[in-house]
Protein backbone atom coordinates (compact mmCIF):
# COMPACT_ATOMS: atom_id res chain seq x y z
CA MET A 1 -8.27 -17.16 -22.29
CA SER A 2 -8.06 -19.64 -25.18
CA LYS A 3 -5.99 -17.37 -27.44
CA ASN A 4 -3.38 -16.59 -24.78
CA ARG A 5 -3.23 -20.22 -23.67
CA GLU A 6 -2.69 -21.56 -27.18
CA GLU A 7 0.06 -19.03 -27.80
CA LEU A 8 1.89 -19.88 -24.56
CA ILE A 9 1.86 -23.63 -25.17
CA ASN A 10 2.48 -23.65 -28.94
CA GLU A 11 4.59 -20.69 -30.06
CA ASP A 12 8.37 -21.02 -30.40
CA PRO A 13 10.03 -20.23 -27.01
CA LYS A 14 12.52 -17.82 -28.61
CA LYS A 15 9.71 -15.80 -30.18
CA LEU A 16 7.79 -15.89 -26.90
CA MET A 17 10.86 -14.64 -25.03
CA VAL A 18 11.12 -11.59 -27.27
CA LYS A 19 7.38 -11.00 -27.41
CA LEU A 20 6.84 -11.27 -23.65
CA CYS A 21 10.14 -9.98 -22.30
CA VAL A 22 10.57 -6.73 -24.21
CA PRO A 23 7.39 -5.14 -22.78
CA ALA A 24 7.98 -6.85 -19.40
CA ILE A 25 11.51 -5.44 -19.19
CA VAL A 26 10.36 -1.98 -20.21
CA GLY A 27 7.57 -2.23 -17.62
CA MET A 28 9.93 -3.21 -14.81
CA VAL A 29 12.47 -0.53 -15.79
CA VAL A 30 9.61 1.91 -15.58
CA ILE A 31 8.84 0.71 -12.02
CA GLY A 32 12.48 1.21 -11.09
CA LEU A 33 12.37 4.77 -12.40
CA TYR A 34 10.21 5.80 -9.43
CA SER A 35 12.88 5.67 -6.73
CA PHE A 36 15.78 5.97 -9.21
CA MET A 37 14.57 9.36 -10.45
CA ASP A 38 13.71 10.46 -6.91
CA GLY A 39 17.38 9.86 -6.09
CA VAL A 40 18.66 11.63 -9.20
CA PHE A 41 16.44 14.71 -8.78
CA ALA A 42 17.02 14.86 -5.01
CA GLY A 43 20.79 14.71 -5.54
CA GLN A 44 20.83 17.31 -8.31
CA LEU A 45 18.17 19.75 -7.03
CA ILE A 46 18.54 19.47 -3.24
CA GLY A 47 22.00 18.05 -2.51
CA LYS A 48 24.02 14.91 -1.79
CA ASN A 49 22.46 14.47 1.67
CA ALA A 50 19.01 14.38 0.07
CA MET A 51 20.22 11.71 -2.37
CA GLY A 52 21.65 9.81 0.60
CA ALA A 53 18.30 10.14 2.41
CA VAL A 54 16.31 8.76 -0.52
CA SER A 55 18.86 5.94 -0.83
CA VAL A 56 18.77 4.85 2.82
CA ALA A 57 14.95 5.08 2.72
CA TYR A 58 14.79 2.86 -0.36
CA PRO A 59 15.10 -0.47 1.52
CA LEU A 60 11.97 0.45 3.50
CA THR A 61 10.00 0.93 0.27
CA LEU A 62 10.72 -2.76 -0.36
CA ILE A 63 8.24 -3.54 2.43
CA ASN A 64 5.50 -2.47 0.03
CA CYS A 65 7.19 -4.33 -2.81
CA ALA A 66 7.17 -7.41 -0.58
CA ILE A 67 3.40 -7.14 -0.08
CA ALA A 68 2.82 -6.64 -3.81
CA THR A 69 5.00 -9.60 -4.76
CA LEU A 70 3.52 -11.89 -2.08
CA VAL A 71 0.02 -11.34 -3.43
CA GLY A 72 0.89 -10.61 -7.08
CA ILE A 73 3.44 -13.33 -7.86
CA GLY A 74 1.51 -15.93 -5.87
CA SER A 75 -1.76 -15.05 -7.60
CA ALA A 76 -0.13 -14.88 -11.04
CA SER A 77 1.38 -18.34 -10.55
CA VAL A 78 -2.06 -19.76 -9.63
CA LEU A 79 -3.59 -17.90 -12.59
CA ALA A 80 -1.08 -19.22 -15.15
CA ARG A 81 -1.52 -22.82 -14.04
CA ALA A 82 -5.32 -22.39 -14.00
CA ILE A 83 -5.17 -21.08 -17.58
CA GLY A 84 -3.07 -24.12 -18.53
CA LYS A 85 -5.76 -26.39 -17.03
CA ASN A 86 -8.69 -24.35 -18.49
CA ASP A 87 -9.95 -23.77 -14.92
CA GLN A 88 -12.16 -20.65 -15.28
CA GLU A 89 -13.66 -21.05 -11.79
CA THR A 90 -10.26 -20.38 -10.20
CA VAL A 91 -9.55 -17.53 -12.63
CA ASP A 92 -12.78 -15.79 -11.52
CA LYS A 93 -11.65 -15.78 -7.88
CA ILE A 94 -8.25 -14.16 -8.46
CA MET A 95 -9.00 -10.41 -8.43
CA GLY A 96 -11.47 -10.27 -5.54
CA ASN A 97 -9.05 -12.25 -3.40
CA LEU A 98 -6.12 -10.07 -4.50
CA LEU A 99 -7.83 -6.80 -3.61
CA SER A 100 -8.93 -8.12 -0.19
CA LEU A 101 -5.40 -9.22 0.71
CA VAL A 102 -3.85 -5.98 -0.54
CA LEU A 103 -6.22 -3.82 1.51
CA LEU A 104 -5.58 -5.75 4.73
CA LEU A 105 -1.79 -5.97 4.39
CA SER A 106 -1.25 -2.43 3.05
CA LEU A 107 -3.19 -0.82 5.87
CA ALA A 108 -0.98 -2.58 8.42
CA VAL A 109 2.22 -1.59 6.59
CA MET A 110 1.12 2.04 6.25
CA ILE A 111 0.33 2.47 9.96
CA LEU A 112 3.39 0.63 11.28
CA GLY A 113 5.70 2.22 8.69
CA ILE A 114 4.71 5.76 9.63
CA ILE A 115 4.99 5.06 13.38
CA PHE A 116 8.34 3.24 13.30
CA ALA A 117 10.01 5.07 10.36
CA ARG A 118 12.75 6.68 12.48
CA LYS A 119 13.62 3.49 14.36
CA LEU A 120 13.81 1.50 11.15
CA LEU A 121 16.03 4.09 9.47
CA LEU A 122 18.38 4.18 12.46
CA LEU A 123 19.21 0.55 11.68
CA THR A 124 20.84 1.67 8.40
CA GLY A 125 23.37 3.77 10.31
CA ALA A 126 21.91 7.03 8.95
CA LYS A 127 22.60 10.06 11.14
CA GLY A 128 22.07 13.80 11.28
CA GLU A 129 20.57 15.53 8.24
CA ILE A 130 20.45 12.34 6.15
CA LEU A 131 18.35 10.64 8.85
CA GLU A 132 15.98 13.59 9.26
CA LEU A 133 15.40 13.94 5.51
CA ALA A 134 14.88 10.18 5.15
CA VAL A 135 12.20 10.15 7.89
CA ARG A 136 10.33 13.02 6.24
CA TYR A 137 10.48 11.29 2.85
CA ILE A 138 9.52 7.73 3.83
CA ARG A 139 6.53 8.69 6.00
CA ILE A 140 4.83 10.31 3.03
CA VAL A 141 5.72 7.36 0.77
CA PHE A 142 4.07 4.98 3.24
CA LEU A 143 0.80 6.93 2.89
CA GLY A 144 0.55 5.57 -0.66
CA SER A 145 0.98 1.91 0.34
CA ILE A 146 -2.47 0.75 -0.78
CA PHE A 147 -2.15 2.49 -4.16
CA VAL A 148 1.26 1.08 -5.06
CA ASN A 149 0.55 -2.42 -3.74
CA PHE A 150 -2.67 -2.85 -5.70
CA ALA A 151 -1.22 -1.32 -8.89
CA GLN A 152 1.88 -3.54 -8.81
CA SER A 153 0.19 -6.79 -7.76
CA ALA A 154 -2.60 -6.33 -10.32
CA ASN A 155 0.07 -5.59 -12.92
CA MET A 156 1.60 -8.98 -12.13
CA ILE A 157 -1.80 -10.56 -12.87
CA MET A 158 -1.71 -8.98 -16.35
CA ARG A 159 1.77 -10.41 -16.88
CA GLY A 160 0.69 -13.80 -15.52
CA GLU A 161 -2.03 -13.80 -18.17
CA GLY A 162 0.59 -12.95 -20.82
CA LEU A 163 -0.61 -9.35 -21.42
CA MET A 164 2.86 -7.79 -21.25
CA ASN A 165 2.16 -4.79 -23.49
CA LYS A 166 -0.84 -3.69 -21.45
CA ALA A 167 1.06 -4.17 -18.19
CA MET A 168 3.93 -2.07 -19.57
CA ILE A 169 1.63 0.77 -20.63
CA PHE A 170 -0.03 0.96 -17.22
CA MET A 171 3.35 1.11 -15.46
CA ALA A 172 4.67 3.66 -17.95
CA ILE A 173 1.80 6.05 -17.24
CA GLY A 174 2.66 6.15 -13.53
CA ALA A 175 6.42 6.40 -14.01
CA ILE A 176 6.30 9.12 -16.66
CA LEU A 177 3.96 11.14 -14.47
CA ASN A 178 6.42 10.70 -11.58
CA ILE A 179 9.33 11.94 -13.70
CA ILE A 180 7.32 15.00 -14.73
CA LEU A 181 6.13 15.78 -11.19
CA ASP A 182 9.47 15.15 -9.40
CA PRO A 183 11.37 18.32 -10.42
CA ILE A 184 8.20 20.44 -10.38
CA LEU A 185 7.22 19.50 -6.83
CA ILE A 186 10.78 19.47 -5.47
CA ILE A 187 11.20 23.07 -6.63
CA ALA A 188 7.63 24.09 -5.64
CA PHE A 189 8.06 22.75 -2.09
CA GLY A 190 11.21 24.86 -1.64
CA GLU A 191 12.96 23.98 1.64
CA TYR A 192 10.62 20.99 1.88
CA GLY A 193 11.86 19.61 -1.43
CA ILE A 194 12.28 16.07 -0.06
CA GLU A 195 8.55 16.04 0.71
CA GLY A 196 7.94 17.20 -2.85
CA ALA A 197 9.75 14.12 -4.19
CA ALA A 198 7.62 11.85 -1.99
CA VAL A 199 4.35 13.56 -2.96
CA ALA A 200 5.27 13.18 -6.63
CA THR A 201 5.73 9.45 -6.07
CA ILE A 202 2.43 8.76 -4.29
CA SER A 203 0.49 11.03 -6.67
CA SER A 204 1.74 8.99 -9.62
CA GLN A 205 0.94 5.74 -7.84
CA PHE A 206 -2.62 6.93 -7.14
CA VAL A 207 -3.21 7.64 -10.84
CA GLN A 208 -1.93 4.18 -11.75
CA PHE A 209 -4.15 2.64 -9.04
CA VAL A 210 -7.25 4.30 -10.55
CA ILE A 211 -6.63 3.24 -14.15
CA THR A 212 -5.75 -0.32 -13.08
CA MET A 213 -8.95 -0.59 -11.05
CA ILE A 214 -11.04 0.66 -13.98
CA TYR A 215 -9.41 -1.92 -16.29
CA PHE A 216 -10.23 -4.91 -14.09
CA ILE A 217 -13.78 -3.66 -13.41
CA LYS A 218 -14.79 -2.79 -16.99
CA LYS A 219 -12.22 -3.73 -19.63
CA SER A 220 -10.52 -7.06 -18.94
CA LYS A 221 -11.84 -9.94 -21.06
CA THR A 222 -10.61 -12.81 -18.89
CA VAL A 223 -9.76 -11.74 -15.34
CA ARG A 224 -12.36 -9.51 -13.65
CA PHE A 225 -13.68 -8.66 -10.22
CA HIS A 226 -16.47 -10.94 -9.05
CA LYS A 227 -16.81 -11.39 -5.27
CA ILE A 228 -14.39 -9.24 -3.26
CA ARG A 229 -13.40 -11.56 -0.44
CA VAL A 230 -10.51 -13.64 0.85
CA GLU A 231 -10.64 -17.04 -0.87
CA ARG A 232 -9.30 -19.39 1.78
CA LEU A 233 -8.85 -22.31 -0.62
CA LEU A 234 -6.50 -20.22 -2.79
CA LEU A 235 -4.32 -18.95 0.07
CA PRO A 236 -2.07 -22.05 0.47
CA GLN A 237 -1.23 -22.00 -3.26
CA ILE A 238 -0.69 -18.23 -3.34
CA PHE A 239 1.42 -18.10 -0.17
CA SER A 240 3.55 -21.16 -0.97
CA VAL A 241 4.82 -19.39 -4.08
CA GLY A 242 4.36 -15.77 -3.01
CA LEU A 243 6.29 -16.17 0.24
CA SER A 244 9.53 -16.89 -1.62
CA ALA A 245 9.00 -13.76 -3.72
CA MET A 246 8.10 -11.78 -0.60
CA MET A 247 11.17 -13.06 1.22
CA MET A 248 13.30 -11.85 -1.66
CA GLN A 249 12.02 -8.32 -1.03
CA LEU A 250 12.09 -8.47 2.77
CA MET A 251 15.55 -10.03 2.83
CA SER A 252 16.67 -7.23 0.51
CA ILE A 253 15.70 -4.83 3.29
CA LEU A 254 17.85 -6.76 5.77
CA GLN A 255 20.64 -7.16 3.23
CA GLN A 256 20.78 -3.50 2.22
CA THR A 257 20.36 -2.24 5.79
CA LEU A 258 23.36 -4.34 6.81
CA MET A 259 25.37 -3.10 3.81
CA TYR A 260 24.67 0.53 4.73
CA ARG A 261 25.56 -0.16 8.35
CA MET A 262 28.85 -1.88 7.50
CA ALA A 263 29.79 0.79 4.95
CA SER A 264 29.19 3.47 7.58
CA LYS A 265 31.08 1.51 10.26
CA TYR A 266 34.19 0.82 8.19
CA GLY A 267 34.24 3.86 5.88
CA GLY A 268 32.18 6.65 7.46
CA GLU A 269 29.62 8.96 5.82
CA SER A 270 31.45 9.09 2.47
CA GLN A 271 31.18 5.30 2.10
CA LEU A 272 27.52 5.42 3.19
CA ILE A 273 26.75 7.89 0.40
CA LEU A 274 28.77 5.79 -2.08
CA MET A 275 26.88 2.66 -1.03
CA GLY A 276 23.62 4.52 -1.62
CA ALA A 277 24.68 5.40 -5.17
CA VAL A 278 26.03 1.92 -5.97
CA LEU A 279 22.96 0.10 -4.66
CA ARG A 280 20.73 2.36 -6.75
CA ILE A 281 22.75 1.61 -9.88
CA GLN A 282 22.79 -2.12 -9.17
CA ALA A 283 19.07 -2.14 -8.36
CA PHE A 284 18.25 -0.32 -11.58
CA SER A 285 20.34 -2.65 -13.74
CA PHE A 286 18.76 -5.62 -11.91
CA ILE A 287 15.25 -4.50 -12.87
CA PRO A 288 15.43 -5.67 -16.53
CA LEU A 289 16.33 -9.17 -15.27
CA TRP A 290 13.33 -9.06 -12.97
CA GLY A 291 11.26 -7.94 -15.96
CA MET A 292 12.53 -10.84 -18.02
CA SER A 293 11.57 -13.22 -15.23
CA GLN A 294 8.02 -11.87 -15.50
CA GLY A 295 8.06 -13.01 -19.12
CA LEU A 296 9.21 -16.49 -18.09
CA GLN A 297 6.51 -16.91 -15.45
CA PRO A 298 3.41 -17.31 -17.68
CA VAL A 299 5.32 -19.53 -20.15
CA VAL A 300 6.53 -21.98 -17.50
CA GLY A 301 3.34 -21.82 -15.40
CA THR A 302 0.96 -22.44 -18.31
CA ASN A 303 3.03 -25.23 -19.85
CA TYR A 304 3.59 -26.88 -16.47
CA GLY A 305 -0.18 -26.75 -15.84
CA ALA A 306 -0.66 -28.42 -19.23
CA LYS A 307 2.03 -31.02 -18.28
CA LEU A 308 4.26 -30.08 -21.25
CA PHE A 309 7.49 -30.67 -19.30
CA SER A 310 9.92 -30.76 -22.24
CA ARG A 311 8.65 -27.34 -23.28
CA VAL A 312 9.06 -26.08 -19.70
CA LYS A 313 12.73 -27.09 -19.72
CA LYS A 314 13.43 -25.71 -23.19
CA SER A 315 11.79 -22.38 -22.39
CA THR A 316 13.66 -22.05 -19.09
CA ASN A 317 17.03 -22.70 -20.77
CA ILE A 318 16.33 -20.12 -23.48
CA PHE A 319 15.32 -17.51 -20.91
CA ILE A 320 18.46 -18.18 -18.81
CA ILE A 321 20.66 -17.58 -21.85
CA GLY A 322 18.71 -14.46 -22.75
CA ALA A 323 18.93 -13.11 -19.18
CA THR A 324 22.69 -13.64 -19.11
CA VAL A 325 23.09 -11.71 -22.37
CA LEU A 326 20.88 -8.95 -21.01
CA ALA A 327 22.96 -8.74 -17.83
CA LEU A 328 26.11 -8.41 -19.92
CA ILE A 329 24.58 -5.51 -21.84
CA PHE A 330 24.39 -3.60 -18.56
CA TRP A 331 27.55 -4.98 -16.96
CA ILE A 332 30.06 -4.14 -19.71
CA PRO A 333 29.37 -0.39 -20.13
CA ILE A 334 28.87 0.16 -16.39
CA GLU A 335 32.23 -1.47 -15.60
CA ILE A 336 33.94 0.56 -18.35
CA PHE A 337 32.28 3.92 -17.61
CA SER A 338 32.01 3.56 -13.83
CA SER A 339 32.97 7.16 -13.06
CA ASN A 340 30.34 8.58 -15.43
CA VAL A 341 27.63 6.39 -13.93
CA LEU A 342 28.55 7.32 -10.34
CA ALA A 343 28.57 11.00 -11.28
CA LEU A 344 24.81 10.79 -11.92
CA PHE A 345 24.36 10.58 -8.16
CA ILE A 346 27.51 12.05 -6.64
CA THR A 347 28.58 15.52 -7.79
CA ASP A 348 31.85 15.45 -5.77
CA VAL A 349 34.53 14.45 -8.33
CA GLU A 350 37.00 13.23 -5.70
CA ALA A 351 34.35 11.07 -4.03
CA VAL A 352 33.60 9.48 -7.40
CA LYS A 353 37.27 8.70 -8.06
CA ALA A 354 37.69 7.20 -4.59
CA GLY A 355 34.68 4.93 -5.07
CA ILE A 356 35.39 3.39 -8.50
CA VAL A 357 37.34 0.32 -7.30
CA ASN A 358 34.74 -0.57 -4.67
CA PHE A 359 31.93 -0.07 -7.19
CA ARG A 360 33.54 -2.29 -9.82
CA THR A 361 34.27 -5.00 -7.26
CA MET A 362 30.71 -5.17 -6.00
CA TYR A 363 29.34 -5.23 -9.56
CA SER A 364 31.90 -7.75 -10.85
CA VAL A 365 29.75 -10.92 -11.03
CA PHE A 366 26.48 -9.22 -11.98
CA PRO A 367 26.02 -11.42 -15.14
CA VAL A 368 25.39 -14.56 -13.01
CA LEU A 369 22.22 -12.94 -11.64
CA GLY A 370 20.52 -13.86 -14.92
CA THR A 371 20.66 -17.55 -13.99
CA ILE A 372 19.82 -16.93 -10.32
CA ILE A 373 16.71 -14.86 -11.02
CA MET A 374 15.42 -17.14 -13.78
CA GLY A 375 15.98 -20.09 -11.46
CA ILE A 376 13.94 -18.54 -8.65
CA THR A 377 11.15 -17.65 -11.11
CA PHE A 378 11.22 -21.16 -12.60
CA PHE A 379 10.55 -22.70 -9.18
CA GLN A 380 7.88 -20.12 -8.33
CA SER A 381 6.12 -20.79 -11.65
CA ILE A 382 5.86 -24.56 -11.12
CA GLY A 383 4.67 -24.06 -7.53
CA ASN A 384 7.94 -25.25 -5.91
CA GLY A 385 8.18 -22.53 -3.26
CA LYS A 386 10.68 -24.60 -1.25
CA ASN A 387 13.54 -24.43 -3.78
CA ALA A 388 12.78 -20.79 -4.58
CA SER A 389 13.02 -20.00 -0.86
CA ILE A 390 16.27 -21.93 -0.48
CA MET A 391 17.92 -19.83 -3.20
CA VAL A 392 16.62 -16.57 -1.74
CA LEU A 393 17.72 -17.41 1.80
CA LEU A 394 21.18 -18.55 0.69
CA ARG A 395 21.78 -15.36 -1.27
CA GLN A 396 20.40 -12.85 1.19
CA VAL A 397 20.76 -14.39 4.64
CA ILE A 398 22.52 -17.72 5.18
CA LEU A 399 25.66 -16.92 3.16
CA PHE A 400 25.46 -13.14 3.03
CA ILE A 401 25.22 -12.17 6.70
CA PRO A 402 28.31 -14.09 7.91
CA THR A 403 30.30 -13.03 4.83
CA ILE A 404 29.67 -9.29 5.17
CA THR A 405 30.11 -9.49 8.95
CA ILE A 406 33.39 -11.41 9.01
CA LEU A 407 35.16 -10.28 5.81
CA PRO A 408 35.55 -6.57 6.74
CA LYS A 409 37.08 -7.61 10.07
CA ILE A 410 39.80 -9.37 8.10
CA ILE A 411 40.47 -6.98 5.18
CA GLY A 412 38.73 -3.78 6.27
CA ASN A 413 36.32 -1.62 4.24
CA TYR A 414 37.04 -3.46 0.98
CA GLY A 415 35.45 -6.57 2.50
CA VAL A 416 32.06 -4.78 2.58
CA TRP A 417 32.20 -4.48 -1.21
CA LEU A 418 33.68 -7.94 -1.85
CA ALA A 419 30.98 -9.82 0.09
CA THR A 420 28.26 -9.54 -2.57
CA PRO A 421 30.21 -11.02 -5.53
CA LEU A 422 31.50 -13.90 -3.38
CA VAL A 423 27.99 -14.84 -2.27
CA ASP A 424 26.42 -14.45 -5.74
CA GLY A 425 29.09 -16.67 -7.29
CA THR A 426 28.32 -19.42 -4.77
CA VAL A 427 24.52 -19.15 -5.22
CA PHE A 428 24.97 -19.34 -9.00
CA ILE A 429 26.47 -22.84 -8.63
CA MET A 430 23.66 -23.89 -6.28
CA ALA A 431 21.04 -22.56 -8.73
CA LEU A 432 22.40 -24.73 -11.55
CA TYR A 433 22.32 -27.79 -9.30
CA LEU A 434 18.70 -27.26 -8.19
CA ILE A 435 17.43 -26.50 -11.71
CA PHE A 436 18.97 -29.62 -13.26
CA LYS A 437 17.72 -31.74 -10.35
CA GLU A 438 14.18 -30.50 -11.05
CA TYR A 439 14.62 -31.24 -14.76
CA LYS A 440 15.43 -34.84 -13.83
CA ASN A 441 12.26 -35.05 -11.73
CA MET A 442 10.25 -33.85 -14.74
CA ASP A 443 11.88 -36.50 -16.94
CA ASN A 444 10.89 -39.16 -14.42
CA SER A 445 7.30 -37.83 -14.32
CA SER A 446 7.12 -37.96 -18.13
CA GLU A 447 8.39 -41.55 -18.18
CA MET A 448 5.82 -42.62 -15.59
CA LYS A 449 3.07 -40.94 -17.62
CA ILE A 450 4.15 -42.83 -20.77
CA LYS A 451 4.21 -46.18 -18.92
CA VAL A 452 0.74 -45.61 -17.51
């Protein structure tokens, strides 16, 4: 623990950003490849309805992501601050508590997800063959809930400790296996190709589950299993931070379900399929920002635990700038080569041409997400779940729902695609306000400490 702690509180923030974020970004891109490649292979090997099915099912997979982030982000935040304080007793409780929570929550999600899959998918506006394929796909994916939730939440513990390279390697093993198995099983399952894509996914997640479990039982030097039980004293700290991260995932389900529904209502099946492709592209390009936020988390958490507030602020600012540059790296080529990117998912040339304007509109303010995501992570890392939750709720519920409900009534189908950039632009301004307000609070705390 000492080596990682000293590095996080002493090394230059710019060097830390590169050192922690490159493997974190690669690791998160790898996670995104699971459903992204399912969509690509389903679209190319089965047909556009299969791609649409995987796309409309994707928001439901975020239920598992929500469980993983609730437990993983919350536990990683507690871990980082414990490392900053040299609190080994708390560190020793992390993994046993994590596994207990994952088992309980995943079992509930798996059972309810399988039973209510059709009803949940109906909320997206999916109909006919797309609906039937989506039900068949998501029920199998839910069978792997425990595997994916433990693997992802435990991976967040590695990142919270600052072990980004190891976390990346573990994620890469699962994702590469999924990419290999996807086309093989889709073809092998024949007319049940959509089931083949789902089986490929949960098989890969099981392998990652096994190697992650072995690591924390036998290999980890700092964070290992001790007593496997729910640690009630840790729950308030974990949930106060983890709930904001969980809400981000759960609200994404609500947000995307509403987007699919409105696209179907105002544009029909063609717009539903287009929305599926666009959301997959946006989600994939969002993943590196999420990965970068995982690099920020141990830096801010450890330094905040050590009460090095000036270093917390400096590191956060550097990461915000880096995240904005990273977002631009995705935004510029995707805006320029929109038709080529859409063609990865939609083989109908006319459908691609008809969707370019809507795609570019929805993606237009993507660079501001760098500040928004770093801001949410900043508040999670210092244990301020309230501000993190405010930002999440503004972006995905409070501002978004009325905007996407009212705007299409005024300007038609285009309003469905314009809602997202309008909301993100507004939340960007709010994020800056909340971050600088917290900086001022830190300055006041430092002054009081000096006076004492």
